[in-house]
N, C-alpha and C. Protein backbone atom coordinates (compact mmCIF):
# COMPACT_ATOMS: atom_id res chain seq x y z
N MET A 1 33.05 -26.85 -2.50
CA MET A 1 31.69 -27.35 -2.75
C MET A 1 30.98 -26.52 -3.83
N ASP A 2 31.51 -25.30 -4.08
CA ASP A 2 30.93 -24.42 -5.08
C ASP A 2 31.01 -25.08 -6.45
N GLY A 3 29.91 -25.10 -7.19
CA GLY A 3 29.89 -25.68 -8.51
C GLY A 3 29.56 -27.16 -8.53
N GLN A 4 29.50 -27.80 -7.40
CA GLN A 4 29.18 -29.22 -7.36
C GLN A 4 27.76 -29.46 -7.83
N ARG A 5 27.59 -30.43 -8.72
CA ARG A 5 26.26 -30.72 -9.25
C ARG A 5 25.53 -31.73 -8.37
N PHE A 6 24.22 -31.56 -8.31
CA PHE A 6 23.37 -32.46 -7.56
C PHE A 6 22.30 -33.02 -8.49
N LYS A 7 22.04 -34.31 -8.39
CA LYS A 7 21.00 -34.90 -9.21
C LYS A 7 19.62 -34.43 -8.79
N GLN A 8 19.48 -34.12 -7.52
CA GLN A 8 18.16 -33.71 -7.05
C GLN A 8 18.31 -32.93 -5.74
N ILE A 9 17.57 -31.82 -5.65
CA ILE A 9 17.39 -31.10 -4.40
C ILE A 9 15.89 -30.96 -4.18
N ASP A 10 15.42 -31.45 -3.06
CA ASP A 10 13.98 -31.51 -2.81
C ASP A 10 13.31 -32.29 -3.93
N HIS A 11 12.33 -31.69 -4.62
CA HIS A 11 11.57 -32.38 -5.66
C HIS A 11 12.05 -32.00 -7.06
N LEU A 12 13.19 -31.29 -7.17
CA LEU A 12 13.67 -30.80 -8.46
C LEU A 12 14.73 -31.74 -9.03
N MET A 13 14.51 -32.20 -10.29
CA MET A 13 15.43 -33.10 -10.96
C MET A 13 15.75 -32.55 -12.34
N PRO A 14 16.92 -32.89 -12.91
CA PRO A 14 17.30 -32.40 -14.24
C PRO A 14 16.25 -32.76 -15.30
N GLY A 15 16.00 -31.83 -16.22
CA GLY A 15 15.07 -32.07 -17.31
C GLY A 15 13.61 -31.94 -16.93
N THR A 16 13.34 -31.47 -15.72
CA THR A 16 11.97 -31.36 -15.24
C THR A 16 11.42 -29.96 -15.51
N ARG A 17 10.19 -29.92 -16.01
CA ARG A 17 9.52 -28.63 -16.16
C ARG A 17 8.95 -28.22 -14.81
N VAL A 18 9.28 -27.00 -14.37
CA VAL A 18 8.82 -26.51 -13.09
C VAL A 18 8.00 -25.25 -13.28
N ARG A 19 7.15 -24.97 -12.30
CA ARG A 19 6.34 -23.75 -12.31
C ARG A 19 6.66 -22.96 -11.06
N VAL A 20 6.83 -21.65 -11.22
CA VAL A 20 7.09 -20.76 -10.09
C VAL A 20 5.79 -20.56 -9.31
N ILE A 21 5.81 -20.80 -8.01
CA ILE A 21 4.61 -20.62 -7.19
C ILE A 21 4.78 -19.49 -6.19
N ARG A 22 5.97 -18.87 -6.17
CA ARG A 22 6.21 -17.74 -5.27
C ARG A 22 7.19 -16.80 -5.97
N THR A 23 6.74 -15.59 -6.27
CA THR A 23 7.56 -14.63 -6.99
C THR A 23 8.86 -14.35 -6.24
N PHE A 24 9.98 -14.33 -7.00
CA PHE A 24 11.27 -14.01 -6.39
C PHE A 24 12.13 -13.28 -7.42
N GLN A 25 13.22 -12.71 -6.95
CA GLN A 25 14.14 -11.96 -7.81
C GLN A 25 15.52 -12.57 -7.74
N ASP A 26 16.16 -12.75 -8.92
CA ASP A 26 17.48 -13.36 -8.91
C ASP A 26 18.56 -12.30 -8.70
N ALA A 27 19.81 -12.75 -8.63
CA ALA A 27 20.91 -11.84 -8.33
C ALA A 27 21.16 -10.84 -9.44
N ASN A 28 20.67 -11.12 -10.65
CA ASN A 28 20.84 -10.20 -11.77
C ASN A 28 19.70 -9.20 -11.88
N GLY A 29 18.76 -9.23 -10.95
CA GLY A 29 17.66 -8.27 -10.95
C GLY A 29 16.43 -8.72 -11.71
N HIS A 30 16.45 -9.94 -12.31
CA HIS A 30 15.28 -10.41 -13.05
C HIS A 30 14.25 -10.98 -12.07
N VAL A 31 12.99 -10.62 -12.29
CA VAL A 31 11.92 -11.10 -11.43
C VAL A 31 11.23 -12.29 -12.09
N TYR A 32 11.14 -13.39 -11.38
CA TYR A 32 10.41 -14.56 -11.85
C TYR A 32 9.08 -14.59 -11.10
N ARG A 33 8.01 -14.48 -11.86
CA ARG A 33 6.71 -14.30 -11.24
C ARG A 33 5.93 -15.61 -11.15
N GLU A 34 5.02 -15.62 -10.22
CA GLU A 34 4.17 -16.79 -10.00
C GLU A 34 3.47 -17.19 -11.29
N GLY A 35 3.52 -18.48 -11.63
CA GLY A 35 2.86 -18.99 -12.83
C GLY A 35 3.81 -19.26 -13.98
N GLU A 36 5.02 -18.67 -13.98
CA GLU A 36 5.98 -18.92 -15.05
C GLU A 36 6.48 -20.35 -14.98
N GLU A 37 6.75 -20.94 -16.18
CA GLU A 37 7.27 -22.31 -16.25
C GLU A 37 8.54 -22.34 -17.08
N PHE A 38 9.44 -23.26 -16.78
CA PHE A 38 10.64 -23.48 -17.57
C PHE A 38 11.21 -24.85 -17.21
N VAL A 39 12.11 -25.34 -18.08
CA VAL A 39 12.79 -26.61 -17.85
C VAL A 39 14.24 -26.31 -17.47
N PHE A 40 14.71 -26.84 -16.36
CA PHE A 40 16.09 -26.62 -15.97
C PHE A 40 16.91 -27.89 -16.15
N GLU A 41 18.23 -27.73 -16.19
CA GLU A 41 19.11 -28.85 -16.52
C GLU A 41 19.74 -29.51 -15.30
N TYR A 42 20.22 -28.71 -14.38
CA TYR A 42 20.85 -29.29 -13.19
C TYR A 42 20.88 -28.26 -12.08
N VAL A 43 21.26 -28.69 -10.90
CA VAL A 43 21.30 -27.82 -9.73
C VAL A 43 22.72 -27.82 -9.18
N THR A 44 23.22 -26.64 -8.85
CA THR A 44 24.52 -26.55 -8.19
C THR A 44 24.39 -25.68 -6.96
N LEU A 45 25.44 -25.70 -6.14
CA LEU A 45 25.53 -24.76 -5.03
C LEU A 45 26.62 -23.76 -5.41
N ARG A 46 26.29 -22.47 -5.39
CA ARG A 46 27.22 -21.45 -5.84
C ARG A 46 27.36 -20.34 -4.81
N GLY A 47 28.46 -19.62 -4.93
CA GLY A 47 28.62 -18.41 -4.14
C GLY A 47 29.09 -18.67 -2.73
N PRO A 48 29.42 -17.57 -2.02
CA PRO A 48 29.96 -17.73 -0.66
C PRO A 48 28.98 -18.33 0.32
N LYS A 49 27.68 -18.19 0.04
CA LYS A 49 26.68 -18.76 0.94
C LYS A 49 26.15 -20.10 0.45
N LEU A 50 26.74 -20.60 -0.66
CA LEU A 50 26.33 -21.89 -1.22
C LEU A 50 24.83 -21.94 -1.46
N LEU A 51 24.35 -20.99 -2.28
CA LEU A 51 22.93 -20.95 -2.59
C LEU A 51 22.62 -21.88 -3.76
N PRO A 52 21.50 -22.58 -3.72
CA PRO A 52 21.13 -23.43 -4.86
C PRO A 52 20.93 -22.57 -6.11
N THR A 53 21.41 -23.04 -7.25
CA THR A 53 21.25 -22.35 -8.52
C THR A 53 20.65 -23.32 -9.52
N LEU A 54 19.59 -22.91 -10.18
CA LEU A 54 18.97 -23.74 -11.21
C LEU A 54 19.51 -23.31 -12.56
N HIS A 55 19.94 -24.27 -13.38
CA HIS A 55 20.47 -23.97 -14.70
C HIS A 55 19.49 -24.48 -15.75
N GLY A 56 19.10 -23.62 -16.64
CA GLY A 56 18.21 -24.01 -17.71
C GLY A 56 18.76 -23.53 -19.04
N PRO A 57 17.98 -23.61 -20.12
CA PRO A 57 18.45 -23.20 -21.44
C PRO A 57 18.71 -21.70 -21.50
N GLY A 58 19.97 -21.32 -21.35
CA GLY A 58 20.33 -19.92 -21.46
C GLY A 58 20.07 -19.10 -20.21
N ILE A 59 19.69 -19.72 -19.10
CA ILE A 59 19.41 -18.95 -17.89
C ILE A 59 20.12 -19.56 -16.70
N GLU A 60 20.37 -18.71 -15.74
CA GLU A 60 20.98 -19.16 -14.49
C GLU A 60 20.29 -18.39 -13.38
N ILE A 61 19.68 -19.08 -12.44
CA ILE A 61 18.84 -18.42 -11.45
C ILE A 61 19.37 -18.65 -10.05
N PRO A 62 20.22 -17.78 -9.52
CA PRO A 62 20.59 -17.90 -8.11
C PRO A 62 19.42 -17.46 -7.24
N LEU A 63 18.98 -18.30 -6.36
CA LEU A 63 17.83 -17.98 -5.52
C LEU A 63 18.32 -17.27 -4.26
N ASN A 64 18.29 -15.95 -4.28
CA ASN A 64 18.81 -15.19 -3.15
C ASN A 64 18.08 -15.54 -1.86
N GLY A 65 18.85 -15.83 -0.82
CA GLY A 65 18.27 -16.08 0.48
C GLY A 65 17.70 -17.47 0.68
N VAL A 66 17.83 -18.34 -0.34
CA VAL A 66 17.27 -19.69 -0.21
C VAL A 66 18.37 -20.65 0.24
N GLU A 67 18.22 -21.20 1.40
CA GLU A 67 19.22 -22.12 1.91
C GLU A 67 18.96 -23.53 1.39
N PRO A 68 20.03 -24.29 1.10
CA PRO A 68 19.86 -25.63 0.53
C PRO A 68 19.48 -26.66 1.57
N ARG A 69 18.36 -26.44 2.21
CA ARG A 69 17.93 -27.43 3.19
C ARG A 69 16.63 -28.09 2.69
N GLN A 70 16.37 -29.23 3.20
CA GLN A 70 15.25 -30.03 2.71
C GLN A 70 13.93 -29.28 2.82
N GLY A 71 13.19 -29.29 1.70
CA GLY A 71 11.86 -28.70 1.68
C GLY A 71 11.83 -27.22 1.36
N ARG A 72 12.98 -26.53 1.34
CA ARG A 72 12.97 -25.07 1.14
C ARG A 72 12.53 -24.70 -0.27
N LEU A 73 12.99 -25.43 -1.29
CA LEU A 73 12.67 -25.07 -2.66
C LEU A 73 11.22 -25.37 -3.02
N ARG A 74 10.55 -26.17 -2.21
CA ARG A 74 9.14 -26.42 -2.47
C ARG A 74 8.30 -25.16 -2.26
N GLU A 75 8.86 -24.18 -1.56
CA GLU A 75 8.14 -22.94 -1.36
C GLU A 75 8.14 -22.08 -2.62
N PHE A 76 9.08 -22.36 -3.57
CA PHE A 76 9.22 -21.53 -4.75
C PHE A 76 8.79 -22.23 -6.04
N PHE A 77 8.88 -23.57 -6.09
CA PHE A 77 8.62 -24.29 -7.33
C PHE A 77 7.71 -25.49 -7.11
N THR A 78 6.90 -25.75 -8.12
CA THR A 78 6.12 -26.98 -8.15
C THR A 78 6.36 -27.64 -9.50
N VAL A 79 6.12 -28.94 -9.59
CA VAL A 79 6.28 -29.68 -10.83
C VAL A 79 4.88 -29.97 -11.37
N PRO A 80 4.48 -29.30 -12.48
CA PRO A 80 3.12 -29.48 -13.00
C PRO A 80 2.75 -30.93 -13.24
N ALA A 81 3.71 -31.75 -13.73
CA ALA A 81 3.40 -33.15 -14.00
C ALA A 81 3.01 -33.88 -12.73
N GLU A 82 3.69 -33.58 -11.63
CA GLU A 82 3.36 -34.21 -10.35
C GLU A 82 2.00 -33.73 -9.85
N ASP A 83 1.69 -32.46 -10.11
CA ASP A 83 0.41 -31.92 -9.66
C ASP A 83 -0.75 -32.67 -10.30
N LYS A 84 -0.57 -33.06 -11.59
CA LYS A 84 -1.64 -33.77 -12.29
C LYS A 84 -1.78 -35.20 -11.79
N LYS A 85 -0.62 -35.84 -11.50
CA LYS A 85 -0.66 -37.23 -11.05
C LYS A 85 -1.11 -37.35 -9.61
N GLN A 86 -0.67 -36.39 -8.80
CA GLN A 86 -0.95 -36.47 -7.37
C GLN A 86 -1.59 -35.16 -6.90
N PRO A 87 -2.90 -35.05 -7.10
CA PRO A 87 -3.56 -33.81 -6.66
C PRO A 87 -3.40 -33.62 -5.16
N ALA A 88 -3.21 -32.40 -4.79
CA ALA A 88 -3.00 -32.09 -3.37
C ALA A 88 -4.26 -32.43 -2.58
N PRO A 89 -4.09 -33.06 -1.44
CA PRO A 89 -5.26 -33.37 -0.61
C PRO A 89 -5.87 -32.09 -0.06
N PRO A 90 -7.14 -32.12 0.24
CA PRO A 90 -7.77 -30.90 0.78
C PRO A 90 -7.12 -30.48 2.08
N ALA A 91 -6.98 -29.19 2.24
CA ALA A 91 -6.35 -28.67 3.45
C ALA A 91 -7.22 -28.98 4.66
N PRO A 92 -6.61 -29.41 5.75
CA PRO A 92 -7.41 -29.69 6.95
C PRO A 92 -8.03 -28.41 7.48
N LYS A 93 -9.21 -28.53 8.03
CA LYS A 93 -9.89 -27.37 8.58
C LYS A 93 -9.37 -27.11 9.99
N LEU A 94 -8.70 -25.99 10.12
CA LEU A 94 -8.13 -25.63 11.40
C LEU A 94 -8.91 -24.47 12.00
N PRO A 95 -8.95 -24.41 13.30
CA PRO A 95 -9.64 -23.27 13.92
C PRO A 95 -8.93 -21.97 13.58
N VAL A 96 -9.71 -20.97 13.23
CA VAL A 96 -9.15 -19.67 12.87
C VAL A 96 -8.95 -18.84 14.13
N ALA A 97 -7.71 -18.39 14.32
CA ALA A 97 -7.41 -17.59 15.50
C ALA A 97 -8.02 -16.20 15.35
N GLN A 98 -8.80 -15.79 16.30
CA GLN A 98 -9.43 -14.48 16.28
C GLN A 98 -8.61 -13.50 17.12
N PRO A 99 -8.37 -12.31 16.58
CA PRO A 99 -7.63 -11.33 17.38
C PRO A 99 -8.40 -10.96 18.64
N ALA A 100 -7.65 -10.66 19.66
CA ALA A 100 -8.29 -10.28 20.91
C ALA A 100 -9.13 -9.02 20.73
N ALA A 101 -10.24 -8.97 21.45
CA ALA A 101 -11.11 -7.80 21.36
C ALA A 101 -10.35 -6.55 21.74
N SER A 102 -10.55 -5.50 20.98
CA SER A 102 -9.83 -4.26 21.23
C SER A 102 -10.73 -3.27 21.96
N SER A 103 -10.12 -2.52 22.86
CA SER A 103 -10.86 -1.48 23.57
C SER A 103 -10.81 -0.16 22.82
N VAL A 104 -10.09 -0.15 21.69
CA VAL A 104 -10.00 1.06 20.89
C VAL A 104 -11.25 1.19 20.03
N PRO A 105 -11.97 2.30 20.09
CA PRO A 105 -13.21 2.44 19.30
C PRO A 105 -12.91 2.50 17.81
N ARG A 106 -13.86 2.01 17.02
CA ARG A 106 -13.71 2.06 15.56
C ARG A 106 -13.83 3.51 15.10
N PRO A 107 -12.89 3.99 14.27
CA PRO A 107 -12.94 5.38 13.83
C PRO A 107 -14.13 5.63 12.90
N ALA A 108 -14.64 6.83 12.94
CA ALA A 108 -15.77 7.21 12.09
C ALA A 108 -15.30 8.17 11.01
N ASN A 109 -16.19 8.42 10.03
CA ASN A 109 -15.93 9.42 8.98
C ASN A 109 -14.64 9.14 8.22
N ALA A 110 -14.65 8.04 7.48
CA ALA A 110 -13.48 7.69 6.67
C ALA A 110 -13.24 8.73 5.59
N PRO A 111 -11.99 9.18 5.41
CA PRO A 111 -11.68 10.10 4.31
C PRO A 111 -12.01 9.44 2.97
N SER A 112 -12.65 10.15 2.08
CA SER A 112 -13.03 9.62 0.78
C SER A 112 -11.82 9.65 -0.15
N ILE A 113 -11.43 8.48 -0.64
CA ILE A 113 -10.24 8.39 -1.48
C ILE A 113 -10.44 9.12 -2.80
N GLN A 114 -9.45 9.93 -3.17
CA GLN A 114 -9.49 10.69 -4.42
C GLN A 114 -8.51 10.07 -5.41
N ILE A 115 -9.03 9.60 -6.56
CA ILE A 115 -8.15 8.97 -7.54
C ILE A 115 -7.97 9.80 -8.80
N ALA A 116 -8.59 10.99 -8.86
CA ALA A 116 -8.41 11.85 -10.02
C ALA A 116 -7.05 12.54 -10.00
N LYS A 117 -6.59 12.91 -8.81
CA LYS A 117 -5.28 13.53 -8.68
C LYS A 117 -4.74 13.20 -7.29
N MET A 118 -3.44 13.37 -7.12
CA MET A 118 -2.81 13.04 -5.85
C MET A 118 -2.98 14.19 -4.87
N ASP A 119 -3.61 13.91 -3.75
CA ASP A 119 -3.81 14.89 -2.68
C ASP A 119 -3.05 14.36 -1.47
N TRP A 120 -1.88 14.93 -1.16
CA TRP A 120 -1.02 14.38 -0.12
C TRP A 120 -1.63 14.53 1.27
N ASP A 121 -2.35 15.62 1.50
CA ASP A 121 -3.00 15.78 2.81
C ASP A 121 -4.04 14.69 3.01
N LEU A 122 -4.85 14.44 1.98
CA LEU A 122 -5.85 13.37 2.04
C LEU A 122 -5.16 12.02 2.19
N TYR A 123 -4.07 11.83 1.48
CA TYR A 123 -3.35 10.56 1.54
C TYR A 123 -2.89 10.26 2.98
N HIS A 124 -2.30 11.25 3.64
CA HIS A 124 -1.81 11.02 5.00
C HIS A 124 -2.96 10.74 5.96
N ARG A 125 -4.07 11.44 5.79
CA ARG A 125 -5.22 11.19 6.65
C ARG A 125 -5.79 9.80 6.39
N ALA A 126 -5.74 9.35 5.14
CA ALA A 126 -6.26 8.03 4.78
C ALA A 126 -5.40 6.92 5.40
N VAL A 127 -4.07 7.10 5.35
CA VAL A 127 -3.17 6.10 5.96
C VAL A 127 -3.43 6.02 7.46
N GLU A 128 -3.59 7.15 8.11
CA GLU A 128 -3.85 7.17 9.55
C GLU A 128 -5.20 6.51 9.86
N TYR A 129 -6.17 6.69 8.96
CA TYR A 129 -7.48 6.07 9.18
C TYR A 129 -7.38 4.54 9.06
N ALA A 130 -6.62 4.06 8.06
CA ALA A 130 -6.44 2.61 7.91
C ALA A 130 -5.79 2.03 9.16
N ALA A 131 -4.79 2.73 9.70
CA ALA A 131 -4.13 2.25 10.92
C ALA A 131 -5.09 2.27 12.11
N ALA A 132 -5.95 3.29 12.17
CA ALA A 132 -6.92 3.36 13.27
C ALA A 132 -7.92 2.21 13.19
N LEU A 133 -8.31 1.84 11.97
CA LEU A 133 -9.20 0.68 11.80
C LEU A 133 -8.53 -0.58 12.35
N ALA A 134 -7.25 -0.76 12.01
CA ALA A 134 -6.53 -1.94 12.50
C ALA A 134 -6.44 -1.93 14.02
N ASP A 135 -6.18 -0.77 14.59
CA ASP A 135 -6.09 -0.66 16.04
C ASP A 135 -7.42 -1.01 16.72
N SER A 136 -8.53 -0.74 16.02
CA SER A 136 -9.84 -1.04 16.60
C SER A 136 -10.17 -2.53 16.51
N GLY A 137 -9.31 -3.29 15.79
CA GLY A 137 -9.54 -4.72 15.65
C GLY A 137 -10.23 -5.11 14.37
N ASP A 138 -10.64 -4.13 13.53
CA ASP A 138 -11.32 -4.44 12.27
C ASP A 138 -10.27 -4.56 11.17
N LEU A 139 -9.56 -5.68 11.17
CA LEU A 139 -8.44 -5.86 10.25
C LEU A 139 -8.90 -5.99 8.80
N ALA A 140 -10.06 -6.60 8.58
CA ALA A 140 -10.57 -6.75 7.21
C ALA A 140 -10.86 -5.38 6.60
N ALA A 141 -11.53 -4.52 7.38
CA ALA A 141 -11.84 -3.19 6.87
C ALA A 141 -10.57 -2.38 6.66
N ALA A 142 -9.58 -2.55 7.53
CA ALA A 142 -8.31 -1.83 7.40
C ALA A 142 -7.61 -2.23 6.11
N THR A 143 -7.60 -3.53 5.81
CA THR A 143 -6.97 -4.02 4.58
C THR A 143 -7.71 -3.51 3.35
N GLU A 144 -9.04 -3.54 3.39
CA GLU A 144 -9.84 -3.06 2.25
C GLU A 144 -9.59 -1.57 2.00
N TYR A 145 -9.49 -0.80 3.07
CA TYR A 145 -9.26 0.63 2.92
C TYR A 145 -7.84 0.90 2.41
N LEU A 146 -6.87 0.10 2.85
CA LEU A 146 -5.51 0.24 2.37
C LEU A 146 -5.43 -0.04 0.87
N ASP A 147 -6.22 -1.00 0.40
CA ASP A 147 -6.27 -1.29 -1.03
C ASP A 147 -6.79 -0.09 -1.81
N GLN A 148 -7.71 0.66 -1.24
CA GLN A 148 -8.21 1.87 -1.90
C GLN A 148 -7.11 2.94 -1.97
N ILE A 149 -6.34 3.07 -0.90
CA ILE A 149 -5.23 4.03 -0.89
C ILE A 149 -4.24 3.68 -1.99
N ASP A 150 -4.05 2.40 -2.21
CA ASP A 150 -3.10 1.92 -3.22
C ASP A 150 -3.47 2.38 -4.62
N LYS A 151 -4.73 2.77 -4.84
CA LYS A 151 -5.19 3.20 -6.16
C LYS A 151 -4.96 4.69 -6.41
N MET A 152 -4.48 5.41 -5.41
CA MET A 152 -4.23 6.83 -5.59
C MET A 152 -3.11 7.02 -6.62
N PRO A 153 -3.13 8.08 -7.41
CA PRO A 153 -2.16 8.27 -8.51
C PRO A 153 -0.79 8.77 -8.03
N PHE A 154 0.01 7.87 -7.49
CA PHE A 154 1.34 8.25 -7.02
C PHE A 154 2.21 8.67 -8.21
N PRO A 155 2.98 9.74 -8.09
CA PRO A 155 3.88 10.14 -9.18
C PRO A 155 5.02 9.14 -9.34
N ALA A 156 5.60 9.10 -10.54
CA ALA A 156 6.63 8.10 -10.85
C ALA A 156 7.84 8.23 -9.93
N GLU A 157 8.17 9.46 -9.52
CA GLU A 157 9.35 9.63 -8.68
C GLU A 157 9.08 9.24 -7.23
N CYS A 158 7.85 8.86 -6.91
CA CYS A 158 7.51 8.45 -5.55
C CYS A 158 6.91 7.05 -5.61
N PRO A 159 7.73 5.99 -5.61
CA PRO A 159 7.23 4.62 -5.73
C PRO A 159 6.13 4.34 -4.71
N ARG A 160 5.02 3.88 -5.21
CA ARG A 160 3.82 3.68 -4.39
C ARG A 160 4.04 2.74 -3.21
N ASP A 161 4.58 1.54 -3.49
CA ASP A 161 4.70 0.53 -2.43
C ASP A 161 5.58 1.00 -1.29
N SER A 162 6.71 1.64 -1.64
CA SER A 162 7.62 2.08 -0.59
C SER A 162 7.01 3.23 0.21
N GLN A 163 6.26 4.11 -0.47
CA GLN A 163 5.69 5.27 0.23
C GLN A 163 4.65 4.83 1.25
N ILE A 164 3.75 3.94 0.85
CA ILE A 164 2.72 3.49 1.78
C ILE A 164 3.35 2.75 2.96
N ALA A 165 4.33 1.86 2.65
CA ALA A 165 4.99 1.11 3.73
C ALA A 165 5.69 2.06 4.69
N HIS A 166 6.38 3.05 4.14
CA HIS A 166 7.11 4.00 4.97
C HIS A 166 6.17 4.75 5.89
N ASP A 167 5.05 5.21 5.35
CA ASP A 167 4.11 5.99 6.16
C ASP A 167 3.33 5.13 7.16
N LEU A 168 3.11 3.87 6.80
CA LEU A 168 2.45 2.97 7.75
C LEU A 168 3.33 2.78 8.98
N GLN A 169 4.65 2.74 8.78
CA GLN A 169 5.56 2.54 9.91
C GLN A 169 5.49 3.71 10.89
N ARG A 170 5.12 4.89 10.40
CA ARG A 170 5.10 6.07 11.26
C ARG A 170 3.84 6.14 12.12
N CYS A 171 2.88 5.27 11.84
CA CYS A 171 1.65 5.26 12.64
C CYS A 171 1.93 4.61 14.00
N GLU A 172 1.49 5.24 15.04
CA GLU A 172 1.71 4.71 16.40
C GLU A 172 0.55 3.79 16.78
N LEU A 173 0.66 2.52 16.41
CA LEU A 173 -0.39 1.57 16.75
C LEU A 173 -0.20 1.11 18.20
N THR A 174 -1.31 0.91 18.88
CA THR A 174 -1.24 0.60 20.32
C THR A 174 -1.70 -0.81 20.67
N THR A 175 -2.44 -1.45 19.78
CA THR A 175 -2.97 -2.78 20.11
C THR A 175 -2.16 -3.88 19.43
N GLU A 176 -2.25 -5.08 19.97
CA GLU A 176 -1.55 -6.22 19.38
C GLU A 176 -2.05 -6.49 17.97
N ALA A 177 -3.37 -6.40 17.77
CA ALA A 177 -3.94 -6.63 16.44
C ALA A 177 -3.45 -5.58 15.46
N GLY A 178 -3.41 -4.32 15.91
CA GLY A 178 -2.96 -3.25 15.02
C GLY A 178 -1.51 -3.42 14.61
N ARG A 179 -0.64 -3.77 15.56
CA ARG A 179 0.78 -3.93 15.25
C ARG A 179 1.01 -5.13 14.33
N ALA A 180 0.27 -6.21 14.55
CA ALA A 180 0.41 -7.39 13.69
C ALA A 180 -0.02 -7.07 12.27
N TRP A 181 -1.11 -6.32 12.13
CA TRP A 181 -1.59 -5.91 10.80
C TRP A 181 -0.55 -5.01 10.13
N GLN A 182 0.02 -4.09 10.88
CA GLN A 182 1.02 -3.18 10.34
C GLN A 182 2.23 -3.95 9.81
N MET A 183 2.77 -4.87 10.61
CA MET A 183 3.95 -5.62 10.22
C MET A 183 3.70 -6.43 8.95
N LYS A 184 2.52 -7.04 8.86
CA LYS A 184 2.18 -7.85 7.69
C LYS A 184 2.17 -7.01 6.43
N HIS A 185 1.50 -5.86 6.48
CA HIS A 185 1.36 -5.04 5.27
C HIS A 185 2.63 -4.29 4.93
N VAL A 186 3.39 -3.87 5.91
CA VAL A 186 4.67 -3.21 5.63
C VAL A 186 5.60 -4.18 4.90
N GLU A 187 5.65 -5.42 5.39
CA GLU A 187 6.51 -6.43 4.76
C GLU A 187 6.08 -6.71 3.33
N ASN A 188 4.77 -6.86 3.10
CA ASN A 188 4.27 -7.15 1.76
C ASN A 188 4.55 -6.00 0.80
N LEU A 189 4.35 -4.77 1.26
CA LEU A 189 4.56 -3.61 0.40
C LEU A 189 6.03 -3.45 0.02
N TYR A 190 6.93 -3.64 0.99
CA TYR A 190 8.35 -3.54 0.67
C TYR A 190 8.78 -4.66 -0.27
N ARG A 191 8.20 -5.85 -0.11
CA ARG A 191 8.55 -6.95 -1.00
C ARG A 191 8.16 -6.61 -2.44
N CYS A 192 6.98 -6.01 -2.62
CA CYS A 192 6.55 -5.59 -3.95
C CYS A 192 7.48 -4.53 -4.52
N TYR A 193 7.90 -3.62 -3.66
CA TYR A 193 8.79 -2.52 -4.08
C TYR A 193 10.11 -3.07 -4.61
N VAL A 194 10.72 -4.01 -3.90
CA VAL A 194 12.00 -4.56 -4.34
C VAL A 194 11.80 -5.46 -5.56
N ALA A 195 10.72 -6.23 -5.60
CA ALA A 195 10.47 -7.13 -6.72
C ALA A 195 10.24 -6.37 -8.01
N GLY A 196 9.85 -5.11 -7.94
CA GLY A 196 9.62 -4.32 -9.13
C GLY A 196 10.87 -3.69 -9.70
N SER A 197 12.04 -4.04 -9.20
CA SER A 197 13.30 -3.48 -9.70
C SER A 197 13.51 -3.86 -11.16
N THR A 198 14.17 -2.99 -11.91
CA THR A 198 14.41 -3.23 -13.33
C THR A 198 15.81 -3.71 -13.63
N SER A 199 16.69 -3.73 -12.63
CA SER A 199 18.06 -4.19 -12.84
C SER A 199 18.66 -4.59 -11.49
N GLY A 200 19.84 -5.21 -11.55
CA GLY A 200 20.50 -5.59 -10.32
C GLY A 200 20.89 -4.39 -9.50
N GLY A 201 21.34 -3.32 -10.18
CA GLY A 201 21.70 -2.10 -9.47
C GLY A 201 20.50 -1.45 -8.81
N ASP A 202 19.37 -1.46 -9.54
CA ASP A 202 18.14 -0.89 -8.99
C ASP A 202 17.70 -1.69 -7.77
N ALA A 203 17.81 -3.02 -7.86
CA ALA A 203 17.41 -3.87 -6.73
C ALA A 203 18.28 -3.58 -5.50
N ALA A 204 19.59 -3.43 -5.72
CA ALA A 204 20.49 -3.15 -4.60
C ALA A 204 20.16 -1.81 -3.96
N SER A 205 19.84 -0.81 -4.81
CA SER A 205 19.49 0.51 -4.30
C SER A 205 18.21 0.45 -3.48
N ARG A 206 17.21 -0.30 -3.98
CA ARG A 206 15.94 -0.39 -3.26
C ARG A 206 16.11 -1.15 -1.94
N LEU A 207 16.93 -2.18 -1.94
CA LEU A 207 17.17 -2.91 -0.70
C LEU A 207 17.84 -2.02 0.34
N THR A 208 18.74 -1.16 -0.12
CA THR A 208 19.40 -0.22 0.80
C THR A 208 18.38 0.74 1.39
N GLN A 209 17.46 1.24 0.55
CA GLN A 209 16.40 2.13 1.03
C GLN A 209 15.54 1.43 2.08
N VAL A 210 15.16 0.19 1.79
CA VAL A 210 14.29 -0.55 2.71
C VAL A 210 14.99 -0.71 4.06
N ARG A 211 16.28 -1.07 4.02
CA ARG A 211 17.02 -1.24 5.29
C ARG A 211 17.08 0.07 6.06
N GLN A 212 17.24 1.18 5.36
CA GLN A 212 17.27 2.48 6.03
C GLN A 212 15.93 2.80 6.67
N TRP A 213 14.85 2.56 5.94
CA TRP A 213 13.52 2.82 6.47
C TRP A 213 13.22 1.94 7.69
N LEU A 214 13.58 0.65 7.57
CA LEU A 214 13.33 -0.26 8.68
C LEU A 214 14.15 0.14 9.89
N GLY A 215 15.33 0.70 9.66
CA GLY A 215 16.18 1.13 10.77
C GLY A 215 15.63 2.34 11.51
N LYS A 216 14.69 3.06 10.88
CA LYS A 216 14.13 4.26 11.50
C LYS A 216 12.85 3.95 12.28
N ARG A 217 12.45 2.70 12.30
CA ARG A 217 11.19 2.36 12.96
C ARG A 217 11.28 2.60 14.47
């Protein structure tokens, strides 16, 4: 079945201009970012896992981890021409699930983020404070504070995304809201870390690091 051509998978057809709507990395280490557009020629299933591959002018994009099942590729690509002809209907208004009230008190005296130079003691206290905010149920404030930590001047030899994710995992969160917040941000930070790879070898190395870190949780 490897190499077999398909006229269409999901909404993708030969000669169609598509736009990336979800950043992903191909098997060669190239990152395709949200908003990029290109025209592809045909779709095949390649490799031992029969992953869909889009072929375009001079490019070949194996979509790692994407199974050839109906609707899966719609998560990664949209067709701009279809978007203009058929505007998406407004999203239905659904009730927003509120996290359960936490009995953990909101922490006081937030450490003031220092962006002039890297202060590791301050950094560790700041990460612990963000986790304490999440444990108290104030997830919005925890996310906002984590964004401030992200602006600290991490040295080049210490990748920012992986460091924050690694240290967040070491926080002992006790509430359901805190653990859910932790899992969401750890996953997002590691995804950014791997997506920032500069080559296939670099991507493989970073994925190995992520697996090791996750194994220590």
